[in-house]
Amino acid sequence: MLIRSFVLTEKAMIELKKNVITAIVDLSAKKNDIKKEFEKLFNVEVESVNVLVTPRGEKKAYIKLKSNYNAEELLSKIGVF
């Protein structure tokens, strides 16, 4: 499983308003792999994925959902908050 956890920081909450979910993913994960896994696991369509490696050595993915899906609703449904 490439997606390890979801991030709920202040910045992540601001991104959530833009329909972007922030997650910690496996270091070896590629953007396309993250997109495919996220779409398969949560039955949504992903518009884009951006990644970065944090100073702590974790890989963080910003997963933007297509406009016909709601990121806040999805996180609430899967029990993140």
PDB file of N, CA and C in Angstrom:
ATOM      1  N   MET A   1       0.843  -1.185   0.000  1.00  0.00           N
ATOM      2  CA  MET A   1       0.000   0.000   0.000  1.00  0.00           C
ATOM      3  C   MET A   1       0.882   1.240   0.000  1.00  0.00           C
ATOM      4  N   LEU A   2       0.668   2.103  -0.961  1.00  0.00           N
ATOM      5  CA  LEU A   2       1.507   3.283  -1.107  1.00  0.00           C
ATOM      6  C   LEU A   2       1.132   4.407  -0.151  1.00  0.00           C
ATOM      7  N   ILE A   3      -0.162   4.550   0.147  1.00  0.00           N
ATOM      8  CA  ILE A   3      -0.625   5.632   1.005  1.00  0.00           C
ATOM      9  C   ILE A   3      -0.528   5.173   2.464  1.00  0.00           C
ATOM     10  N   ARG A   4       0.282   5.897   3.237  1.00  0.00           N
ATOM     11  CA  ARG A   4       0.513   5.506   4.630  1.00  0.00           C
ATOM     12  C   ARG A   4      -0.423   6.197   5.605  1.00  0.00           C
ATOM     13  N   SER A   5      -0.591   7.520   5.455  1.00  0.00           N
ATOM     14  CA  SER A   5      -1.462   8.268   6.365  1.00  0.00           C
ATOM     15  C   SER A   5      -1.864   9.588   5.717  1.00  0.00           C
ATOM     16  N   PHE A   6      -2.853  10.228   6.322  1.00  0.00           N
ATOM     17  CA  PHE A   6      -3.290  11.532   5.848  1.00  0.00           C
ATOM     18  C   PHE A   6      -2.767  12.600   6.793  1.00  0.00           C
ATOM     19  N   VAL A   7      -2.516  13.785   6.249  1.00  0.00           N
ATOM     20  CA  VAL A   7      -1.966  14.895   7.019  1.00  0.00           C
ATOM     21  C   VAL A   7      -3.098  15.866   7.340  1.00  0.00           C
ATOM     22  N   LEU A   8      -3.186  16.289   8.612  1.00  0.00           N
ATOM     23  CA  LEU A   8      -4.247  17.203   9.028  1.00  0.00           C
ATOM     24  C   LEU A   8      -3.689  18.463   9.685  1.00  0.00           C
ATOM     25  N   THR A   9      -2.640  19.029   9.111  1.00  0.00           N
ATOM     26  CA  THR A   9      -2.052  20.257   9.640  1.00  0.00           C
ATOM     27  C   THR A   9      -2.873  21.458   9.168  1.00  0.00           C
ATOM     28  N   GLU A  10      -2.510  22.625   9.645  1.00  0.00           N
ATOM     29  CA  GLU A  10      -3.210  23.850   9.240  1.00  0.00           C
ATOM     30  C   GLU A  10      -3.107  24.059   7.729  1.00  0.00           C
ATOM     31  N   LYS A  11      -1.914  23.849   7.183  1.00  0.00           N
ATOM     32  CA  LYS A  11      -1.729  24.004   5.740  1.00  0.00           C
ATOM     33  C   LYS A  11      -2.567  22.977   4.969  1.00  0.00           C
ATOM     34  N   ALA A  12      -2.622  21.752   5.479  1.00  0.00           N
ATOM     35  CA  ALA A  12      -3.405  20.709   4.822  1.00  0.00           C
ATOM     36  C   ALA A  12      -4.893  21.070   4.817  1.00  0.00           C
ATOM     37  N   MET A  13      -5.365  21.716   5.874  1.00  0.00           N
ATOM     38  CA  MET A  13      -6.770  22.139   5.939  1.00  0.00           C
ATOM     39  C   MET A  13      -7.061  23.235   4.915  1.00  0.00           C
ATOM     40  N   ILE A  14      -6.098  24.126   4.691  1.00  0.00           N
ATOM     41  CA  ILE A  14      -6.251  25.172   3.671  1.00  0.00           C
ATOM     42  C   ILE A  14      -6.311  24.524   2.292  1.00  0.00           C
ATOM     43  N   GLU A  15      -5.454  23.543   2.059  1.00  0.00           N
ATOM     44  CA  GLU A  15      -5.447  22.820   0.781  1.00  0.00           C
ATOM     45  C   GLU A  15      -6.756  22.054   0.591  1.00  0.00           C
ATOM     46  N   LEU A  16      -7.325  21.561   1.670  1.00  0.00           N
ATOM     47  CA  LEU A  16      -8.574  20.808   1.606  1.00  0.00           C
ATOM     48  C   LEU A  16      -9.695  21.666   1.022  1.00  0.00           C
ATOM     49  N   LYS A  17      -9.679  22.958   1.314  1.00  0.00           N
ATOM     50  CA  LYS A  17     -10.668  23.890   0.759  1.00  0.00           C
ATOM     51  C   LYS A  17     -10.529  23.996  -0.761  1.00  0.00           C
ATOM     52  N   LYS A  18      -9.329  23.692  -1.274  1.00  0.00           N
ATOM     53  CA  LYS A  18      -9.071  23.712  -2.722  1.00  0.00           C
ATOM     54  C   LYS A  18      -9.286  22.333  -3.344  1.00  0.00           C
ATOM     55  N   ASN A  19      -9.899  21.424  -2.568  1.00  0.00           N
ATOM     56  CA  ASN A  19     -10.184  20.056  -3.008  1.00  0.00           C
ATOM     57  C   ASN A  19      -8.914  19.208  -3.157  1.00  0.00           C
ATOM     58  N   VAL A  20      -7.922  19.495  -2.309  1.00  0.00           N
ATOM     59  CA  VAL A  20      -6.647  18.773  -2.324  1.00  0.00           C
ATOM     60  C   VAL A  20      -6.471  18.025  -1.010  1.00  0.00           C
ATOM     61  N   ILE A  21      -6.187  16.736  -1.102  1.00  0.00           N
ATOM     62  CA  ILE A  21      -5.929  15.907   0.074  1.00  0.00           C
ATOM     63  C   ILE A  21      -4.426  15.718   0.200  1.00  0.00           C
ATOM     64  N   THR A  22      -3.903  15.904   1.412  1.00  0.00           N
ATOM     65  CA  THR A  22      -2.476  15.748   1.670  1.00  0.00           C
ATOM     66  C   THR A  22      -2.252  14.414   2.378  1.00  0.00           C
ATOM     67  N   ALA A  23      -1.294  13.633   1.859  1.00  0.00           N
ATOM     68  CA  ALA A  23      -1.041  12.312   2.433  1.00  0.00           C
ATOM     69  C   ALA A  23       0.454  12.023   2.458  1.00  0.00           C
ATOM     70  N   ILE A  24       0.860  11.207   3.426  1.00  0.00           N
ATOM     71  CA  ILE A  24       2.224  10.685   3.462  1.00  0.00           C
ATOM     72  C   ILE A  24       2.187   9.369   2.684  1.00  0.00           C
ATOM     73  N   VAL A  25       3.111   9.232   1.745  1.00  0.00           N
ATOM     74  CA  VAL A  25       3.137   8.041   0.894  1.00  0.00           C
ATOM     75  C   VAL A  25       4.500   7.368   0.969  1.00  0.00           C
ATOM     76  N   ASP A  26       4.595   6.180   0.420  1.00  0.00           N
ATOM     77  CA  ASP A  26       5.848   5.426   0.375  1.00  0.00           C
ATOM     78  C   ASP A  26       6.884   6.209  -0.431  1.00  0.00           C
ATOM     79  N   LEU A  27       8.128   6.188   0.011  1.00  0.00           N
ATOM     80  CA  LEU A  27       9.198   6.924  -0.678  1.00  0.00           C
ATOM     81  C   LEU A  27       9.389   6.486  -2.130  1.00  0.00           C
ATOM     82  N   SER A  28       9.086   5.242  -2.436  1.00  0.00           N
ATOM     83  CA  SER A  28       9.287   4.746  -3.799  1.00  0.00           C
ATOM     84  C   SER A  28       8.097   5.022  -4.713  1.00  0.00           C
ATOM     85  N   ALA A  29       7.026   5.628  -4.179  1.00  0.00           N
ATOM     86  CA  ALA A  29       5.800   5.844  -4.958  1.00  0.00           C
ATOM     87  C   ALA A  29       5.997   6.903  -6.037  1.00  0.00           C
ATOM     88  N   LYS A  30       5.493   6.603  -7.213  1.00  0.00           N
ATOM     89  CA  LYS A  30       5.503   7.545  -8.340  1.00  0.00           C
ATOM     90  C   LYS A  30       4.126   8.208  -8.402  1.00  0.00           C
ATOM     91  N   LYS A  31       4.072   9.401  -9.006  1.00  0.00           N
ATOM     92  CA  LYS A  31       2.819  10.145  -9.093  1.00  0.00           C
ATOM     93  C   LYS A  31       1.693   9.308  -9.705  1.00  0.00           C
ATOM     94  N   ASN A  32       1.983   8.650 -10.795  1.00  0.00           N
ATOM     95  CA  ASN A  32       0.964   7.870 -11.493  1.00  0.00           C
ATOM     96  C   ASN A  32       0.469   6.703 -10.638  1.00  0.00           C
ATOM     97  N   ASP A  33       1.382   6.074  -9.900  1.00  0.00           N
ATOM     98  CA  ASP A  33       1.007   4.968  -9.019  1.00  0.00           C
ATOM     99  C   ASP A  33       0.105   5.452  -7.882  1.00  0.00           C
ATOM    100  N   ILE A  34       0.430   6.629  -7.326  1.00  0.00           N
ATOM    101  CA  ILE A  34      -0.380   7.210  -6.253  1.00  0.00           C
ATOM    102  C   ILE A  34      -1.789   7.497  -6.783  1.00  0.00           C
ATOM    103  N   LYS A  35      -1.854   8.085  -7.970  1.00  0.00           N
ATOM    104  CA  LYS A  35      -3.142   8.418  -8.585  1.00  0.00           C
ATOM    105  C   LYS A  35      -3.993   7.160  -8.776  1.00  0.00           C
ATOM    106  N   LYS A  36      -3.401   6.119  -9.353  1.00  0.00           N
ATOM    107  CA  LYS A  36      -4.144   4.878  -9.610  1.00  0.00           C
ATOM    108  C   LYS A  36      -4.637   4.250  -8.309  1.00  0.00           C
ATOM    109  N   GLU A  37      -3.761   4.178  -7.301  1.00  0.00           N
ATOM    110  CA  GLU A  37      -4.146   3.553  -6.039  1.00  0.00           C
ATOM    111  C   GLU A  37      -5.247   4.349  -5.342  1.00  0.00           C
ATOM    112  N   PHE A  38      -5.126   5.674  -5.336  1.00  0.00           N
ATOM    113  CA  PHE A  38      -6.123   6.516  -4.681  1.00  0.00           C
ATOM    114  C   PHE A  38      -7.488   6.367  -5.356  1.00  0.00           C
ATOM    115  N   GLU A  39      -7.493   6.360  -6.684  1.00  0.00           N
ATOM    116  CA  GLU A  39      -8.750   6.201  -7.426  1.00  0.00           C
ATOM    117  C   GLU A  39      -9.380   4.837  -7.145  1.00  0.00           C
ATOM    118  N   LYS A  40      -8.558   3.811  -7.086  1.00  0.00           N
ATOM    119  CA  LYS A  40      -9.056   2.454  -6.846  1.00  0.00           C
ATOM    120  C   LYS A  40      -9.588   2.292  -5.415  1.00  0.00           C
ATOM    121  N   LEU A  41      -8.839   2.788  -4.426  1.00  0.00           N
ATOM    122  CA  LEU A  41      -9.227   2.636  -3.025  1.00  0.00           C
ATOM    123  C   LEU A  41     -10.488   3.403  -2.656  1.00  0.00           C
ATOM    124  N   PHE A  42     -10.608   4.633  -3.160  1.00  0.00           N
ATOM    125  CA  PHE A  42     -11.679   5.514  -2.703  1.00  0.00           C
ATOM    126  C   PHE A  42     -12.743   5.799  -3.764  1.00  0.00           C
ATOM    127  N   ASN A  43     -12.638   5.169  -4.928  1.00  0.00           N
ATOM    128  CA  ASN A  43     -13.644   5.291  -5.986  1.00  0.00           C
ATOM    129  C   ASN A  43     -13.917   6.756  -6.354  1.00  0.00           C
ATOM    130  N   VAL A  44     -12.840   7.505  -6.584  1.00  0.00           N
ATOM    131  CA  VAL A  44     -12.932   8.903  -7.008  1.00  0.00           C
ATOM    132  C   VAL A  44     -12.025   9.104  -8.219  1.00  0.00           C
ATOM    133  N   GLU A  45     -12.135  10.266  -8.862  1.00  0.00           N
ATOM    134  CA  GLU A  45     -11.241  10.604  -9.961  1.00  0.00           C
ATOM    135  C   GLU A  45     -10.262  11.666  -9.481  1.00  0.00           C
ATOM    136  N   VAL A  46      -8.993  11.457  -9.773  1.00  0.00           N
ATOM    137  CA  VAL A  46      -7.938  12.377  -9.362  1.00  0.00           C
ATOM    138  C   VAL A  46      -7.537  13.228 -10.552  1.00  0.00           C
ATOM    139  N   GLU A  47      -7.480  14.541 -10.324  1.00  0.00           N
ATOM    140  CA  GLU A  47      -7.077  15.470 -11.381  1.00  0.00           C
ATOM    141  C   GLU A  47      -5.556  15.524 -11.520  1.00  0.00           C
ATOM    142  N   SER A  48      -4.864  15.662 -10.367  1.00  0.00           N
ATOM    143  CA  SER A  48      -3.402  15.738 -10.416  1.00  0.00           C
ATOM    144  C   SER A  48      -2.800  15.309  -9.085  1.00  0.00           C
ATOM    145  N   VAL A  49      -1.513  14.983  -9.131  1.00  0.00           N
ATOM    146  CA  VAL A  49      -0.759  14.609  -7.927  1.00  0.00           C
ATOM    147  C   VAL A  49       0.577  15.349  -7.973  1.00  0.00           C
ATOM    148  N   ASN A  50       0.907  16.026  -6.876  1.00  0.00           N
ATOM    149  CA  ASN A  50       2.217  16.654  -6.722  1.00  0.00           C
ATOM    150  C   ASN A  50       2.862  16.027  -5.497  1.00  0.00           C
ATOM    151  N   VAL A  51       4.172  15.820  -5.558  1.00  0.00           N
ATOM    152  CA  VAL A  51       4.873  15.199  -4.431  1.00  0.00           C
ATOM    153  C   VAL A  51       6.099  16.006  -4.038  1.00  0.00           C
ATOM    154  N   LEU A  52       6.505  15.823  -2.777  1.00  0.00           N
ATOM    155  CA  LEU A  52       7.753  16.404  -2.299  1.00  0.00           C
ATOM    156  C   LEU A  52       8.275  15.531  -1.178  1.00  0.00           C
ATOM    157  N   VAL A  53       9.577  15.574  -0.980  1.00  0.00           N
ATOM    158  CA  VAL A  53      10.190  14.846   0.131  1.00  0.00           C
ATOM    159  C   VAL A  53      10.491  15.879   1.213  1.00  0.00           C
ATOM    160  N   THR A  54       9.962  15.644   2.401  1.00  0.00           N
ATOM    161  CA  THR A  54      10.121  16.589   3.501  1.00  0.00           C
ATOM    162  C   THR A  54      11.525  16.484   4.099  1.00  0.00           C
ATOM    163  N   PRO A  55      11.942  17.482   4.882  1.00  0.00           N
ATOM    164  CA  PRO A  55      13.232  17.398   5.568  1.00  0.00           C
ATOM    165  C   PRO A  55      13.323  16.206   6.519  1.00  0.00           C
ATOM    166  N   ARG A  56      12.166  15.673   6.964  1.00  0.00           N
ATOM    167  CA  ARG A  56      12.137  14.508   7.848  1.00  0.00           C
ATOM    168  C   ARG A  56      12.328  13.214   7.072  1.00  0.00           C
ATOM    169  N   GLY A  57      12.413  13.301   5.745  1.00  0.00           N
ATOM    170  CA  GLY A  57      12.629  12.118   4.932  1.00  0.00           C
ATOM    171  C   GLY A  57      11.352  11.407   4.523  1.00  0.00           C
ATOM    172  N   GLU A  58      10.204  12.051   4.706  1.00  0.00           N
ATOM    173  CA  GLU A  58       8.929  11.469   4.296  1.00  0.00           C
ATOM    174  C   GLU A  58       8.525  12.039   2.938  1.00  0.00           C
ATOM    175  N   LYS A  59       7.792  11.268   2.182  1.00  0.00           N
ATOM    176  CA  LYS A  59       7.279  11.743   0.901  1.00  0.00           C
ATOM    177  C   LYS A  59       5.830  12.165   1.109  1.00  0.00           C
ATOM    178  N   LYS A  60       5.548  13.418   0.754  1.00  0.00           N
ATOM    179  CA  LYS A  60       4.216  13.969   0.937  1.00  0.00           C
ATOM    180  C   LYS A  60       3.583  14.157  -0.438  1.00  0.00           C
ATOM    181  N   ALA A  61       2.329  13.723  -0.576  1.00  0.00           N
ATOM    182  CA  ALA A  61       1.611  13.857  -1.843  1.00  0.00           C
ATOM    183  C   ALA A  61       0.424  14.789  -1.661  1.00  0.00           C
ATOM    184  N   TYR A  62       0.268  15.700  -2.614  1.00  0.00           N
ATOM    185  CA  TYR A  62      -0.897  16.575  -2.675  1.00  0.00           C
ATOM    186  C   TYR A  62      -1.774  16.037  -3.796  1.00  0.00           C
ATOM    187  N   ILE A  63      -2.920  15.470  -3.425  1.00  0.00           N
ATOM    188  CA  ILE A  63      -3.787  14.777  -4.376  1.00  0.00           C
ATOM    189  C   ILE A  63      -5.017  15.646  -4.627  1.00  0.00           C
ATOM    190  N   LYS A  64      -5.089  16.222  -5.837  1.00  0.00           N
ATOM    191  CA  LYS A  64      -6.217  17.089  -6.192  1.00  0.00           C
ATOM    192  C   LYS A  64      -7.306  16.256  -6.856  1.00  0.00           C
ATOM    193  N   LEU A  65      -8.507  16.301  -6.270  1.00  0.00           N
ATOM    194  CA  LEU A  65      -9.636  15.566  -6.822  1.00  0.00           C
ATOM    195  C   LEU A  65     -10.317  16.393  -7.910  1.00  0.00           C
ATOM    196  N   LYS A  66     -10.968  15.713  -8.844  1.00  0.00           N
ATOM    197  CA  LYS A  66     -11.733  16.413  -9.871  1.00  0.00           C
ATOM    198  C   LYS A  66     -12.885  17.142  -9.201  1.00  0.00           C
ATOM    199  N   SER A  67     -13.373  18.194  -9.856  1.00  0.00           N
ATOM    200  CA  SER A  67     -14.349  19.097  -9.233  1.00  0.00           C
ATOM    201  C   SER A  67     -15.679  18.444  -8.855  1.00  0.00           C
ATOM    202  N   ASN A  68     -16.021  17.300  -9.453  1.00  0.00           N
ATOM    203  CA  ASN A  68     -17.287  16.659  -9.094  1.00  0.00           C
ATOM    204  C   ASN A  68     -17.171  15.803  -7.833  1.00  0.00           C
ATOM    205  N   TYR A  69     -16.015  15.833  -7.148  1.00  0.00           N
ATOM    206  CA  TYR A  69     -15.815  15.131  -5.879  1.00  0.00           C
ATOM    207  C   TYR A  69     -15.449  16.145  -4.809  1.00  0.00           C
ATOM    208  N   ASN A  70     -15.771  15.849  -3.564  1.00  0.00           N
ATOM    209  CA  ASN A  70     -15.497  16.754  -2.457  1.00  0.00           C
ATOM    210  C   ASN A  70     -14.477  16.101  -1.514  1.00  0.00           C
ATOM    211  N   ALA A  71     -13.319  16.729  -1.375  1.00  0.00           N
ATOM    212  CA  ALA A  71     -12.231  16.175  -0.554  1.00  0.00           C
ATOM    213  C   ALA A  71     -12.624  16.089   0.920  1.00  0.00           C
ATOM    214  N   GLU A  72     -13.296  17.114   1.444  1.00  0.00           N
ATOM    215  CA  GLU A  72     -13.706  17.102   2.852  1.00  0.00           C
ATOM    216  C   GLU A  72     -14.678  15.959   3.122  1.00  0.00           C
ATOM    217  N   GLU A  73     -15.628  15.790   2.219  1.00  0.00           N
ATOM    218  CA  GLU A  73     -16.611  14.710   2.353  1.00  0.00           C
ATOM    219  C   GLU A  73     -15.930  13.350   2.354  1.00  0.00           C
ATOM    220  N   LEU A  74     -14.961  13.157   1.437  1.00  0.00           N
ATOM    221  CA  LEU A  74     -14.253  11.887   1.333  1.00  0.00           C
ATOM    222  C   LEU A  74     -13.515  11.566   2.626  1.00  0.00           C
ATOM    223  N   LEU A  75     -12.761  12.533   3.165  1.00  0.00           N
ATOM    224  CA  LEU A  75     -12.018  12.299   4.403  1.00  0.00           C
ATOM    225  C   LEU A  75     -12.960  12.015   5.569  1.00  0.00           C
ATOM    226  N   SER A  76     -14.092  12.688   5.589  1.00  0.00           N
ATOM    227  CA  SER A  76     -15.072  12.451   6.645  1.00  0.00           C
ATOM    228  C   SER A  76     -15.661  11.046   6.526  1.00  0.00           C
ATOM    229  N   LYS A  77     -15.947  10.622   5.301  1.00  0.00           N
ATOM    230  CA  LYS A  77     -16.546   9.301   5.058  1.00  0.00           C
ATOM    231  C   LYS A  77     -15.600   8.172   5.466  1.00  0.00           C
ATOM    232  N   ILE A  78     -14.294   8.352   5.245  1.00  0.00           N
ATOM    233  CA  ILE A  78     -13.346   7.284   5.587  1.00  0.00           C
ATOM    234  C   ILE A  78     -12.859   7.393   7.030  1.00  0.00           C
ATOM    235  N   GLY A  79     -13.360   8.404   7.760  1.00  0.00           N
ATOM    236  CA  GLY A  79     -13.102   8.495   9.193  1.00  0.00           C
ATOM    237  C   GLY A  79     -11.814   9.198   9.580  1.00  0.00           C
ATOM    238  N   VAL A  80     -11.290  10.057   8.714  1.00  0.00           N
ATOM    239  CA  VAL A  80     -10.055  10.772   9.058  1.00  0.00           C
ATOM    240  C   VAL A  80     -10.357  11.900  10.030  1.00  0.00           C
ATOM    241  N   PHE A  81     -11.504  12.561   9.826  1.00  0.00           N
ATOM    242  CA  PHE A  81     -11.968  13.591  10.802  1.00  0.00           C
ATOM    243  C   PHE A  81     -13.452  13.729  10.747  1.00  0.00           C
TER     244      PHE A  81
END
